[in-house]
């Protein structure tokens, strides 16, 4: 796939509860790589796990006092999640009418979903590897259908999918607590974690990548899973990560690099925003003119916790930073 040079996009979440306004802001501020806006401020059915539950194929969940749980038939919370998604797609279709660029969708990846959804009996899906496999297959099929629907609604767009995996490092390390909270679930070996991701990546029918806002995103695992891109927070990268970043890029991966703070009073200048990306490129000894080709600028993470005014400004700053990388590749 071909990424637009000097582009910017958002991670997904936006503040507030107005899907029409959010869709208009995203389409207006990010004309080169639109994403579907997510509004967790509307409640759990519109949050990351609720949204993902609405996309599962032949699996249903309902909201219990302890959180989302798999059930035998759709309940009111499942229907609310489906309705919220439908409304968001309606607004996206209107805001992106005539759009012909990349369009990014988001959903929780199989490991974060397995850590956030419980089985009928009450423990997390993650506690049962067979259940994890079933959920991954359901998610892959559901996302394939979702991508196809968005493609019909915005026929000029090229769809890409972002799998949100904030819990993946904790899953691999064995730091996910049991449903009771008194113990921890066994760690998941890296090859198994990669296989779970690959199940979804290969099923969806569009280029798929992974977003991980943890301090230690497992980029080598993303590469092994066939991820087309990785979305990471530039502020959390240490120099020891340079080799694995280089390996990811050498394998053909694309970086969505979180350069814009999610919540501050004053946005950094465009030059200050782009500085970490330029410094990374110098450390990797890559030609400066390739930076805007291999990196898409994003906020550091989702913007649900920001004010509407700041969210709009942050997306605009990401857009301007992306263009600056393309227009002045050697500027420091």
C-alpha atoms as a PDB file:
ATOM      1  CA  UNK A   1       0.000   0.000   0.000  1.00  0.00           C
ATOM      2  CA  UNK A   2       1.057   3.611  -0.565  1.00  0.00           C
ATOM      3  CA  UNK A   3       0.917   6.009   2.375  1.00  0.00           C
ATOM      4  CA  UNK A   4       0.344   9.694   1.628  1.00  0.00           C
ATOM      5  CA  UNK A   5       3.603  11.611   2.048  1.00  0.00           C
ATOM      6  CA  UNK A   6       3.593  14.137   4.895  1.00  0.00           C
ATOM      7  CA  UNK A   7       0.216  13.013   6.201  1.00  0.00           C
ATOM      8  CA  UNK A   8      -1.258  13.023   9.683  1.00  0.00           C
ATOM      9  CA  UNK A   9      -4.109  11.151  11.320  1.00  0.00           C
ATOM     10  CA  UNK A  10      -5.670  10.633  14.737  1.00  0.00           C
ATOM     11  CA  UNK A  11      -5.506   7.655  17.033  1.00  0.00           C
ATOM     12  CA  UNK A  12      -9.302   7.337  17.223  1.00  0.00           C
ATOM     13  CA  UNK A  13     -10.998   8.733  20.293  1.00  0.00           C
ATOM     14  CA  UNK A  14     -12.362  12.269  20.435  1.00  0.00           C
ATOM     15  CA  UNK A  15     -13.952  14.260  23.281  1.00  0.00           C
ATOM     16  CA  UNK A  16     -17.632  14.897  23.777  1.00  0.00           C
ATOM     17  CA  UNK A  17     -20.720  13.043  22.626  1.00  0.00           C
ATOM     18  CA  UNK A  18     -21.578  14.593  19.248  1.00  0.00           C
ATOM     19  CA  UNK A  19     -20.619  12.193  16.440  1.00  0.00           C
ATOM     20  CA  UNK A  20     -21.539  14.666  13.706  1.00  0.00           C
ATOM     21  CA  UNK A  21     -19.250  17.368  15.059  1.00  0.00           C
ATOM     22  CA  UNK A  22     -16.389  14.917  15.645  1.00  0.00           C
ATOM     23  CA  UNK A  23     -16.649  13.448  12.155  1.00  0.00           C
ATOM     24  CA  UNK A  24     -16.612  16.948  10.674  1.00  0.00           C
ATOM     25  CA  UNK A  25     -13.549  17.947  12.731  1.00  0.00           C
ATOM     26  CA  UNK A  26     -11.608  14.839  11.725  1.00  0.00           C
ATOM     27  CA  UNK A  27     -12.471  15.169   8.040  1.00  0.00           C
ATOM     28  CA  UNK A  28     -11.693  18.878   8.088  1.00  0.00           C
ATOM     29  CA  UNK A  29      -8.400  18.808   9.967  1.00  0.00           C
ATOM     30  CA  UNK A  30      -7.001  15.549   8.551  1.00  0.00           C
ATOM     31  CA  UNK A  31      -7.733  15.699   4.817  1.00  0.00           C
ATOM     32  CA  UNK A  32      -4.993  13.228   3.852  1.00  0.00           C
ATOM     33  CA  UNK A  33      -5.821  10.353   6.221  1.00  0.00           C
ATOM     34  CA  UNK A  34      -9.286  10.451   7.749  1.00  0.00           C
ATOM     35  CA  UNK A  35     -10.171   8.130  10.631  1.00  0.00           C
ATOM     36  CA  UNK A  36     -13.481   7.176  12.142  1.00  0.00           C
ATOM     37  CA  UNK A  37     -14.041   9.175  15.318  1.00  0.00           C
ATOM     38  CA  UNK A  38     -14.740   7.256  18.527  1.00  0.00           C
ATOM     39  CA  UNK A  39     -16.610   8.939  21.386  1.00  0.00           C
ATOM     40  CA  UNK A  40     -16.193   6.993  24.642  1.00  0.00           C
ATOM     41  CA  UNK A  41     -17.748   9.957  26.456  1.00  0.00           C
ATOM     42  CA  UNK A  42     -21.130   8.576  25.390  1.00  0.00           C
ATOM     43  CA  UNK A  43     -20.662   5.681  27.803  1.00  0.00           C
ATOM     44  CA  UNK A  44     -19.388   2.102  27.875  1.00  0.00           C
ATOM     45  CA  UNK A  45     -21.196   0.963  24.686  1.00  0.00           C
ATOM     46  CA  UNK A  46     -19.184   3.564  22.762  1.00  0.00           C
ATOM     47  CA  UNK A  47     -15.873   2.801  24.512  1.00  0.00           C
ATOM     48  CA  UNK A  48     -13.081   0.694  23.068  1.00  0.00           C
ATOM     49  CA  UNK A  49     -14.344  -2.669  24.355  1.00  0.00           C
ATOM     50  CA  UNK A  50     -18.011  -1.839  23.726  1.00  0.00           C
ATOM     51  CA  UNK A  51     -17.249  -0.732  20.176  1.00  0.00           C
ATOM     52  CA  UNK A  52     -15.269  -3.899  19.542  1.00  0.00           C
ATOM     53  CA  UNK A  53     -18.025  -6.061  21.011  1.00  0.00           C
ATOM     54  CA  UNK A  54     -20.432  -4.558  18.484  1.00  0.00           C
ATOM     55  CA  UNK A  55     -18.139  -5.777  15.704  1.00  0.00           C
ATOM     56  CA  UNK A  56     -17.821  -9.416  16.796  1.00  0.00           C
ATOM     57  CA  UNK A  57     -19.338 -11.987  14.454  1.00  0.00           C
ATOM     58  CA  UNK A  58     -21.713 -14.513  16.095  1.00  0.00           C
ATOM     59  CA  UNK A  59     -20.530 -13.596  19.587  1.00  0.00           C
ATOM     60  CA  UNK A  60     -22.557 -11.373  21.893  1.00  0.00           C
ATOM     61  CA  UNK A  61     -21.645  -9.485  25.024  1.00  0.00           C
ATOM     62  CA  UNK A  62     -23.565  -7.605  27.673  1.00  0.00           C
ATOM     63  CA  UNK A  63     -22.479  -5.143  30.331  1.00  0.00           C
ATOM     64  CA  UNK A  64     -22.410  -6.682  33.803  1.00  0.00           C
ATOM     65  CA  UNK A  65     -21.435  -5.006  37.108  1.00  0.00           C
ATOM     66  CA  UNK A  66     -17.882  -6.346  36.628  1.00  0.00           C
ATOM     67  CA  UNK A  67     -17.665  -5.329  32.957  1.00  0.00           C
ATOM     68  CA  UNK A  68     -18.365  -6.826  29.544  1.00  0.00           C
ATOM     69  CA  UNK A  69     -19.272 -10.523  29.483  1.00  0.00           C
ATOM     70  CA  UNK A  70     -20.067 -13.003  26.714  1.00  0.00           C
ATOM     71  CA  UNK A  71     -23.754 -13.978  26.705  1.00  0.00           C
ATOM     72  CA  UNK A  72     -25.978 -16.298  24.678  1.00  0.00           C
ATOM     73  CA  UNK A  73     -28.014 -13.620  22.928  1.00  0.00           C
ATOM     74  CA  UNK A  74     -27.776  -9.859  22.343  1.00  0.00           C
ATOM     75  CA  UNK A  75     -28.897  -7.711  25.258  1.00  0.00           C
ATOM     76  CA  UNK A  76     -29.661  -4.033  25.577  1.00  0.00           C
ATOM     77  CA  UNK A  77     -26.030  -2.984  26.006  1.00  0.00           C
ATOM     78  CA  UNK A  78     -24.977  -4.925  22.934  1.00  0.00           C
ATOM     79  CA  UNK A  79     -27.736  -3.225  20.958  1.00  0.00           C
ATOM     80  CA  UNK A  80     -26.628   0.163  22.280  1.00  0.00           C
ATOM     81  CA  UNK A  81     -23.081  -0.533  21.132  1.00  0.00           C
ATOM     82  CA  UNK A  82     -24.328  -1.518  17.669  1.00  0.00           C
ATOM     83  CA  UNK A  83     -26.518   1.591  17.503  1.00  0.00           C
ATOM     84  CA  UNK A  84     -23.621   3.867  18.505  1.00  0.00           C
ATOM     85  CA  UNK A  85     -21.429   2.334  15.805  1.00  0.00           C
ATOM     86  CA  UNK A  86     -24.194   2.717  13.222  1.00  0.00           C
ATOM     87  CA  UNK A  87     -24.582   6.404  14.094  1.00  0.00           C
ATOM     88  CA  UNK A  88     -20.837   6.957  13.810  1.00  0.00           C
ATOM     89  CA  UNK A  89     -20.783   5.320  10.377  1.00  0.00           C
ATOM     90  CA  UNK A  90     -23.686   7.477   9.228  1.00  0.00           C
ATOM     91  CA  UNK A  91     -21.820  10.618  10.233  1.00  0.00           C
ATOM     92  CA  UNK A  92     -18.563   9.382   8.712  1.00  0.00           C
ATOM     93  CA  UNK A  93     -20.340   8.696   5.428  1.00  0.00           C
ATOM     94  CA  UNK A  94     -21.658  12.260   5.314  1.00  0.00           C
ATOM     95  CA  UNK A  95     -18.444  13.969   6.434  1.00  0.00           C
ATOM     96  CA  UNK A  96     -16.259  11.928   4.057  1.00  0.00           C
ATOM     97  CA  UNK A  97     -18.518  12.145   1.007  1.00  0.00           C
ATOM     98  CA  UNK A  98     -16.296  12.194  -2.074  1.00  0.00           C
ATOM     99  CA  UNK A  99     -13.152  11.321  -0.086  1.00  0.00           C
ATOM    100  CA  UNK A 100     -10.555   9.330  -2.048  1.00  0.00           C
ATOM    101  CA  UNK A 101      -7.641   8.834   0.369  1.00  0.00           C
ATOM    102  CA  UNK A 102      -6.762   6.365   3.109  1.00  0.00           C
ATOM    103  CA  UNK A 103      -9.472   5.907   5.732  1.00  0.00           C
ATOM    104  CA  UNK A 104      -8.539   4.338   9.061  1.00  0.00           C
ATOM    105  CA  UNK A 105     -10.817   2.203  11.206  1.00  0.00           C
ATOM    106  CA  UNK A 106     -10.051   1.174  14.799  1.00  0.00           C
ATOM    107  CA  UNK A 107     -10.984  -1.679  17.110  1.00  0.00           C
ATOM    108  CA  UNK A 108      -9.446  -3.422  20.092  1.00  0.00           C
ATOM    109  CA  UNK A 109      -7.052  -6.166  19.093  1.00  0.00           C
ATOM    110  CA  UNK A 110      -7.648  -9.791  20.131  1.00  0.00           C
ATOM    111  CA  UNK A 111      -5.456  -9.667  23.246  1.00  0.00           C
ATOM    112  CA  UNK A 112      -6.829  -6.428  24.664  1.00  0.00           C
ATOM    113  CA  UNK A 113     -10.353  -7.640  23.908  1.00  0.00           C
ATOM    114  CA  UNK A 114      -9.616 -10.980  25.578  1.00  0.00           C
ATOM    115  CA  UNK A 115      -8.319  -9.148  28.641  1.00  0.00           C
ATOM    116  CA  UNK A 116     -11.349  -6.860  28.746  1.00  0.00           C
ATOM    117  CA  UNK A 117     -14.210  -9.314  28.160  1.00  0.00           C
ATOM    118  CA  UNK A 118     -15.297 -12.096  30.523  1.00  0.00           C
ATOM    119  CA  UNK A 119     -16.534 -15.578  29.762  1.00  0.00           C
ATOM    120  CA  UNK A 120     -19.996 -16.806  30.764  1.00  0.00           C
ATOM    121  CA  UNK A 121     -18.560 -18.228  33.980  1.00  0.00           C
ATOM    122  CA  UNK A 122     -16.974 -14.939  34.947  1.00  0.00           C
ATOM    123  CA  UNK A 123     -13.232 -15.238  34.314  1.00  0.00           C
ATOM    124  CA  UNK A 124     -11.560 -13.301  31.535  1.00  0.00           C
ATOM    125  CA  UNK A 125     -11.525 -14.710  28.012  1.00  0.00           C
ATOM    126  CA  UNK A 126      -7.738 -14.511  28.318  1.00  0.00           C
ATOM    127  CA  UNK A 127      -7.854 -17.336  30.884  1.00  0.00           C
ATOM    128  CA  UNK A 128      -8.998 -19.824  28.216  1.00  0.00           C
ATOM    129  CA  UNK A 129      -6.780 -20.104  25.142  1.00  0.00           C
ATOM    130  CA  UNK A 130      -9.537 -21.847  23.193  1.00  0.00           C
ATOM    131  CA  UNK A 131     -11.848 -18.941  23.965  1.00  0.00           C
ATOM    132  CA  UNK A 132      -9.135 -16.489  22.887  1.00  0.00           C
ATOM    133  CA  UNK A 133      -8.886 -18.310  19.569  1.00  0.00           C
ATOM    134  CA  UNK A 134     -12.659 -18.194  19.096  1.00  0.00           C
ATOM    135  CA  UNK A 135     -12.777 -14.499  19.916  1.00  0.00           C
ATOM    136  CA  UNK A 136      -9.919 -13.732  17.501  1.00  0.00           C
ATOM    137  CA  UNK A 137     -11.703 -15.574  14.704  1.00  0.00           C
ATOM    138  CA  UNK A 138     -14.967 -13.792  15.482  1.00  0.00           C
ATOM    139  CA  UNK A 139     -13.190 -10.442  15.580  1.00  0.00           C
ATOM    140  CA  UNK A 140     -11.408 -11.065  12.284  1.00  0.00           C
ATOM    141  CA  UNK A 141     -14.649 -11.935  10.508  1.00  0.00           C
ATOM    142  CA  UNK A 142     -16.526  -9.044  12.087  1.00  0.00           C
ATOM    143  CA  UNK A 143     -13.830  -6.577  11.082  1.00  0.00           C
ATOM    144  CA  UNK A 144     -13.801  -7.959   7.534  1.00  0.00           C
ATOM    145  CA  UNK A 145     -17.517  -7.212   7.274  1.00  0.00           C
ATOM    146  CA  UNK A 146     -17.019  -3.808   8.927  1.00  0.00           C
ATOM    147  CA  UNK A 147     -14.287  -2.793   6.482  1.00  0.00           C
ATOM    148  CA  UNK A 148     -16.441  -3.907   3.562  1.00  0.00           C
ATOM    149  CA  UNK A 149     -19.366  -1.823   4.818  1.00  0.00           C
ATOM    150  CA  UNK A 150     -17.237   1.285   5.237  1.00  0.00           C
ATOM    151  CA  UNK A 151     -15.867   0.695   1.746  1.00  0.00           C
ATOM    152  CA  UNK A 152     -19.422   0.720   0.398  1.00  0.00           C
ATOM    153  CA  UNK A 153     -20.308   3.863   2.332  1.00  0.00           C
ATOM    154  CA  UNK A 154     -17.169   5.761   1.238  1.00  0.00           C
ATOM    155  CA  UNK A 155     -16.469   4.106  -2.120  1.00  0.00           C
ATOM    156  CA  UNK A 156     -13.448   6.222  -3.060  1.00  0.00           C
ATOM    157  CA  UNK A 157     -11.539   5.457   0.135  1.00  0.00           C
ATOM    158  CA  UNK A 158      -8.817   2.863   0.689  1.00  0.00           C
ATOM    159  CA  UNK A 159      -9.474   1.215   4.044  1.00  0.00           C
ATOM    160  CA  UNK A 160      -6.818   0.452   6.651  1.00  0.00           C
ATOM    161  CA  UNK A 161      -7.447  -1.008  10.084  1.00  0.00           C
ATOM    162  CA  UNK A 162      -5.836  -0.157  13.425  1.00  0.00           C
ATOM    163  CA  UNK A 163      -5.925  -2.798  16.154  1.00  0.00           C
ATOM    164  CA  UNK A 164      -5.671  -1.127  19.549  1.00  0.00           C
ATOM    165  CA  UNK A 165      -3.541  -3.255  21.882  1.00  0.00           C
ATOM    166  CA  UNK A 166      -2.788  -1.215  25.016  1.00  0.00           C
ATOM    167  CA  UNK A 167      -2.964  -4.376  27.144  1.00  0.00           C
ATOM    168  CA  UNK A 168      -0.637  -6.498  25.012  1.00  0.00           C
ATOM    169  CA  UNK A 169       2.618  -5.849  26.942  1.00  0.00           C
ATOM    170  CA  UNK A 170       0.824  -6.765  30.194  1.00  0.00           C
ATOM    171  CA  UNK A 171      -0.606  -9.897  28.548  1.00  0.00           C
ATOM    172  CA  UNK A 172       2.866 -11.014  27.476  1.00  0.00           C
ATOM    173  CA  UNK A 173       4.333 -10.241  30.904  1.00  0.00           C
ATOM    174  CA  UNK A 174       1.585 -12.042  32.843  1.00  0.00           C
ATOM    175  CA  UNK A 175       0.389  -8.862  34.546  1.00  0.00           C
ATOM    176  CA  UNK A 176      -3.332  -9.127  33.727  1.00  0.00           C
ATOM    177  CA  UNK A 177      -5.276  -9.747  36.917  1.00  0.00           C
ATOM    178  CA  UNK A 178      -7.865 -12.480  37.177  1.00  0.00           C
ATOM    179  CA  UNK A 179     -11.504 -11.395  37.313  1.00  0.00           C
ATOM    180  CA  UNK A 180     -11.438 -11.759  41.086  1.00  0.00           C
ATOM    181  CA  UNK A 181      -8.390  -9.518  41.316  1.00  0.00           C
ATOM    182  CA  UNK A 182      -6.602 -11.923  43.670  1.00  0.00           C
ATOM    183  CA  UNK A 183      -4.231 -13.403  41.118  1.00  0.00           C
ATOM    184  CA  UNK A 184      -2.682 -12.870  37.715  1.00  0.00           C
ATOM    185  CA  UNK A 185      -3.244 -14.801  34.509  1.00  0.00           C
ATOM    186  CA  UNK A 186      -0.340 -16.731  33.032  1.00  0.00           C
ATOM    187  CA  UNK A 187       1.918 -14.868  30.649  1.00  0.00           C
ATOM    188  CA  UNK A 188       1.338 -15.441  26.941  1.00  0.00           C
ATOM    189  CA  UNK A 189       4.502 -16.423  25.036  1.00  0.00           C
ATOM    190  CA  UNK A 190       5.491 -14.019  22.275  1.00  0.00           C
ATOM    191  CA  UNK A 191       4.930 -16.510  19.421  1.00  0.00           C
ATOM    192  CA  UNK A 192       1.411 -17.230  20.694  1.00  0.00           C
ATOM    193  CA  UNK A 193       0.678 -13.525  20.987  1.00  0.00           C
ATOM    194  CA  UNK A 194       1.930 -13.005  17.447  1.00  0.00           C
ATOM    195  CA  UNK A 195      -0.235 -15.863  16.173  1.00  0.00           C
ATOM    196  CA  UNK A 196      -3.324 -14.329  17.790  1.00  0.00           C
ATOM    197  CA  UNK A 197      -2.678 -11.000  16.145  1.00  0.00           C
ATOM    198  CA  UNK A 198      -1.949 -12.657  12.811  1.00  0.00           C
ATOM    199  CA  UNK A 199      -5.322 -14.429  12.923  1.00  0.00           C
ATOM    200  CA  UNK A 200      -7.046 -11.045  12.793  1.00  0.00           C
ATOM    201  CA  UNK A 201      -4.534  -9.301  10.514  1.00  0.00           C
ATOM    202  CA  UNK A 202      -4.930 -11.993   7.865  1.00  0.00           C
ATOM    203  CA  UNK A 203      -8.725 -12.207   8.142  1.00  0.00           C
ATOM    204  CA  UNK A 204      -9.753  -8.595   7.703  1.00  0.00           C
ATOM    205  CA  UNK A 205      -8.987  -8.234   4.008  1.00  0.00           C
ATOM    206  CA  UNK A 206      -7.388  -4.765   4.331  1.00  0.00           C
ATOM    207  CA  UNK A 207      -3.950  -3.599   5.509  1.00  0.00           C
ATOM    208  CA  UNK A 208      -3.902  -3.793   9.303  1.00  0.00           C
ATOM    209  CA  UNK A 209      -1.545  -2.434  11.927  1.00  0.00           C
ATOM    210  CA  UNK A 210      -1.299  -2.151  15.694  1.00  0.00           C
ATOM    211  CA  UNK A 211      -1.512   0.795  18.087  1.00  0.00           C
ATOM    212  CA  UNK A 212       0.125   0.351  21.483  1.00  0.00           C
ATOM    213  CA  UNK A 213       0.486   3.285  23.863  1.00  0.00           C
ATOM    214  CA  UNK A 214       2.542   1.332  26.406  1.00  0.00           C
ATOM    215  CA  UNK A 215       6.146   2.288  27.122  1.00  0.00           C
ATOM    216  CA  UNK A 216       7.459  -0.920  25.578  1.00  0.00           C
ATOM    217  CA  UNK A 217       5.446  -1.695  22.412  1.00  0.00           C
ATOM    218  CA  UNK A 218       6.560  -5.122  21.124  1.00  0.00           C
ATOM    219  CA  UNK A 219       7.443  -4.070  17.580  1.00  0.00           C
ATOM    220  CA  UNK A 220       9.160  -7.352  16.768  1.00  0.00           C
ATOM    221  CA  UNK A 221       5.923  -9.143  17.604  1.00  0.00           C
ATOM    222  CA  UNK A 222       3.993  -6.781  15.305  1.00  0.00           C
ATOM    223  CA  UNK A 223       6.436  -7.577  12.504  1.00  0.00           C
ATOM    224  CA  UNK A 224       6.003 -11.311  13.040  1.00  0.00           C
ATOM    225  CA  UNK A 225       2.211 -10.891  12.941  1.00  0.00           C
ATOM    226  CA  UNK A 226       2.376  -9.196   9.535  1.00  0.00           C
ATOM    227  CA  UNK A 227       1.332  -5.741  10.719  1.00  0.00           C
ATOM    228  CA  UNK A 228       1.472  -3.123   7.969  1.00  0.00           C
ATOM    229  CA  UNK A 229       2.078  -0.324  10.457  1.00  0.00           C
ATOM    230  CA  UNK A 230       2.735   0.367  14.115  1.00  0.00           C
ATOM    231  CA  UNK A 231       1.284   3.321  16.026  1.00  0.00           C
ATOM    232  CA  UNK A 232       3.442   4.347  18.998  1.00  0.00           C
ATOM    233  CA  UNK A 233       4.026   7.332  21.281  1.00  0.00           C
ATOM    234  CA  UNK A 234       7.339   8.958  20.392  1.00  0.00           C
ATOM    235  CA  UNK A 235       7.777  10.261  23.946  1.00  0.00           C
ATOM    236  CA  UNK A 236       7.887   6.727  25.345  1.00  0.00           C
ATOM    237  CA  UNK A 237      10.619   5.444  23.068  1.00  0.00           C
ATOM    238  CA  UNK A 238      14.071   4.982  24.550  1.00  0.00           C
ATOM    239  CA  UNK A 239      17.252   4.766  22.558  1.00  0.00           C
ATOM    240  CA  UNK A 240      17.404   1.065  23.234  1.00  0.00           C
ATOM    241  CA  UNK A 241      14.359   0.753  20.950  1.00  0.00           C
ATOM    242  CA  UNK A 242      16.178   2.101  17.903  1.00  0.00           C
ATOM    243  CA  UNK A 243      17.292  -1.307  16.654  1.00  0.00           C
ATOM    244  CA  UNK A 244      13.832  -2.816  16.843  1.00  0.00           C
ATOM    245  CA  UNK A 245      12.331   0.264  15.176  1.00  0.00           C
ATOM    246  CA  UNK A 246      14.879  -0.072  12.404  1.00  0.00           C
ATOM    247  CA  UNK A 247      14.065  -3.753  12.006  1.00  0.00           C
ATOM    248  CA  UNK A 248      10.358  -2.952  11.785  1.00  0.00           C
ATOM    249  CA  UNK A 249      10.997  -0.350   9.099  1.00  0.00           C
ATOM    250  CA  UNK A 250      13.404  -2.604   7.199  1.00  0.00           C
ATOM    251  CA  UNK A 251      10.669  -5.255   7.127  1.00  0.00           C
ATOM    252  CA  UNK A 252       8.455  -2.768   5.270  1.00  0.00           C
ATOM    253  CA  UNK A 253       6.507  -1.419   8.230  1.00  0.00           C
ATOM    254  CA  UNK A 254       5.177   2.122   8.420  1.00  0.00           C
ATOM    255  CA  UNK A 255       5.224   4.232  11.605  1.00  0.00           C
ATOM    256  CA  UNK A 256       2.335   6.240  12.953  1.00  0.00           C
ATOM    257  CA  UNK A 257       4.384   8.321  15.346  1.00  0.00           C
ATOM    258  CA  UNK A 258       2.699  10.066  18.278  1.00  0.00           C
ATOM    259  CA  UNK A 259       4.309  13.511  18.274  1.00  0.00           C
ATOM    260  CA  UNK A 260       1.515  15.823  19.471  1.00  0.00           C
ATOM    261  CA  UNK A 261       0.746  15.855  23.226  1.00  0.00           C
ATOM    262  CA  UNK A 262      -2.772  14.732  24.070  1.00  0.00           C
ATOM    263  CA  UNK A 263      -3.489  17.217  26.875  1.00  0.00           C
ATOM    264  CA  UNK A 264      -1.436  20.383  27.492  1.00  0.00           C
ATOM    265  CA  UNK A 265      -2.273  24.049  27.844  1.00  0.00           C
ATOM    266  CA  UNK A 266      -0.019  25.188  25.000  1.00  0.00           C
ATOM    267  CA  UNK A 267       0.823  23.146  21.941  1.00  0.00           C
ATOM    268  CA  UNK A 268       4.516  22.976  21.040  1.00  0.00           C
ATOM    269  CA  UNK A 269       5.590  24.699  17.837  1.00  0.00           C
ATOM    270  CA  UNK A 270       5.628  22.772  14.591  1.00  0.00           C
ATOM    271  CA  UNK A 271       9.436  22.534  14.704  1.00  0.00           C
ATOM    272  CA  UNK A 272       9.374  21.264  18.292  1.00  0.00           C
ATOM    273  CA  UNK A 273       6.670  18.767  17.354  1.00  0.00           C
ATOM    274  CA  UNK A 274       8.695  17.294  14.512  1.00  0.00           C
ATOM    275  CA  UNK A 275      12.026  17.300  16.391  1.00  0.00           C
ATOM    276  CA  UNK A 276      11.711  13.784  17.938  1.00  0.00           C
ATOM    277  CA  UNK A 277      10.977  12.286  14.520  1.00  0.00           C
ATOM    278  CA  UNK A 278      13.943  14.027  12.908  1.00  0.00           C
ATOM    279  CA  UNK A 279      16.218  12.951  15.758  1.00  0.00           C
ATOM    280  CA  UNK A 280      15.037   9.341  15.444  1.00  0.00           C
ATOM    281  CA  UNK A 281      15.780   9.426  11.714  1.00  0.00           C
ATOM    282  CA  UNK A 282      19.281  10.772  12.349  1.00  0.00           C
ATOM    283  CA  UNK A 283      19.979   8.034  14.870  1.00  0.00           C
ATOM    284  CA  UNK A 284      18.803   5.421  12.377  1.00  0.00           C
ATOM    285  CA  UNK A 285      21.018   6.999   9.677  1.00  0.00           C
ATOM    286  CA  UNK A 286      18.141   7.110   7.213  1.00  0.00           C
ATOM    287  CA  UNK A 287      18.037   9.754   4.442  1.00  0.00           C
ATOM    288  CA  UNK A 288      16.068  12.783   5.693  1.00  0.00           C
ATOM    289  CA  UNK A 289      13.903  12.841   2.573  1.00  0.00           C
ATOM    290  CA  UNK A 290      12.467   9.421   3.437  1.00  0.00           C
ATOM    291  CA  UNK A 291      11.095  10.515   6.819  1.00  0.00           C
ATOM    292  CA  UNK A 292       7.778  11.862   5.519  1.00  0.00           C
ATOM    293  CA  UNK A 293       7.390   8.744   3.373  1.00  0.00           C
ATOM    294  CA  UNK A 294       7.761   6.288   6.243  1.00  0.00           C
ATOM    295  CA  UNK A 295       6.198   8.239   9.127  1.00  0.00           C
ATOM    296  CA  UNK A 296       2.657   9.552   9.599  1.00  0.00           C
ATOM    297  CA  UNK A 297       2.215  12.086  12.409  1.00  0.00           C
ATOM    298  CA  UNK A 298      -0.418  11.477  15.107  1.00  0.00           C
ATOM    299  CA  UNK A 299      -1.259  12.684  18.592  1.00  0.00           C
ATOM    300  CA  UNK A 300       0.516  10.687  21.282  1.00  0.00           C
ATOM    301  CA  UNK A 301      -2.688   8.788  22.064  1.00  0.00           C
ATOM    302  CA  UNK A 302      -6.452   9.244  21.911  1.00  0.00           C
ATOM    303  CA  UNK A 303      -7.983  12.656  22.536  1.00  0.00           C
ATOM    304  CA  UNK A 304     -11.037  11.659  24.575  1.00  0.00           C
ATOM    305  CA  UNK A 305      -9.635  13.410  27.648  1.00  0.00           C
ATOM    306  CA  UNK A 306      -8.968  16.704  25.884  1.00  0.00           C
ATOM    307  CA  UNK A 307     -11.297  19.648  25.461  1.00  0.00           C
ATOM    308  CA  UNK A 308     -13.020  19.905  22.066  1.00  0.00           C
ATOM    309  CA  UNK A 309     -10.998  23.035  21.272  1.00  0.00           C
ATOM    310  CA  UNK A 310      -7.709  21.351  22.160  1.00  0.00           C
ATOM    311  CA  UNK A 311      -8.605  18.205  20.201  1.00  0.00           C
ATOM    312  CA  UNK A 312      -9.215  20.276  17.070  1.00  0.00           C
ATOM    313  CA  UNK A 313      -5.973  22.189  17.608  1.00  0.00           C
ATOM    314  CA  UNK A 314      -4.011  18.974  18.208  1.00  0.00           C
ATOM    315  CA  UNK A 315      -5.218  17.446  14.951  1.00  0.00           C
ATOM    316  CA  UNK A 316      -4.387  20.654  13.110  1.00  0.00           C
ATOM    317  CA  UNK A 317      -0.891  20.653  14.640  1.00  0.00           C
ATOM    318  CA  UNK A 318      -0.409  17.020  13.597  1.00  0.00           C
ATOM    319  CA  UNK A 319      -1.440  17.954  10.049  1.00  0.00           C
ATOM    320  CA  UNK A 320       0.969  20.911   9.964  1.00  0.00           C
ATOM    321  CA  UNK A 321       3.798  18.809  11.415  1.00  0.00           C
ATOM    322  CA  UNK A 322       3.298  16.121   8.789  1.00  0.00           C
ATOM    323  CA  UNK A 323       3.453  18.689   6.015  1.00  0.00           C
ATOM    324  CA  UNK A 324       6.559  20.243   7.565  1.00  0.00           C
ATOM    325  CA  UNK A 325       8.323  16.876   7.441  1.00  0.00           C
ATOM    326  CA  UNK A 326       7.573  16.667   3.729  1.00  0.00           C
ATOM    327  CA  UNK A 327       8.377  20.277   2.858  1.00  0.00           C
ATOM    328  CA  UNK A 328      11.594  20.668   4.865  1.00  0.00           C
ATOM    329  CA  UNK A 329      13.058  17.190   5.389  1.00  0.00           C
ATOM    330  CA  UNK A 330      16.477  18.362   6.597  1.00  0.00           C
ATOM    331  CA  UNK A 331      15.268  21.119   8.905  1.00  0.00           C
ATOM    332  CA  UNK A 332      16.190  20.645  12.564  1.00  0.00           C
END
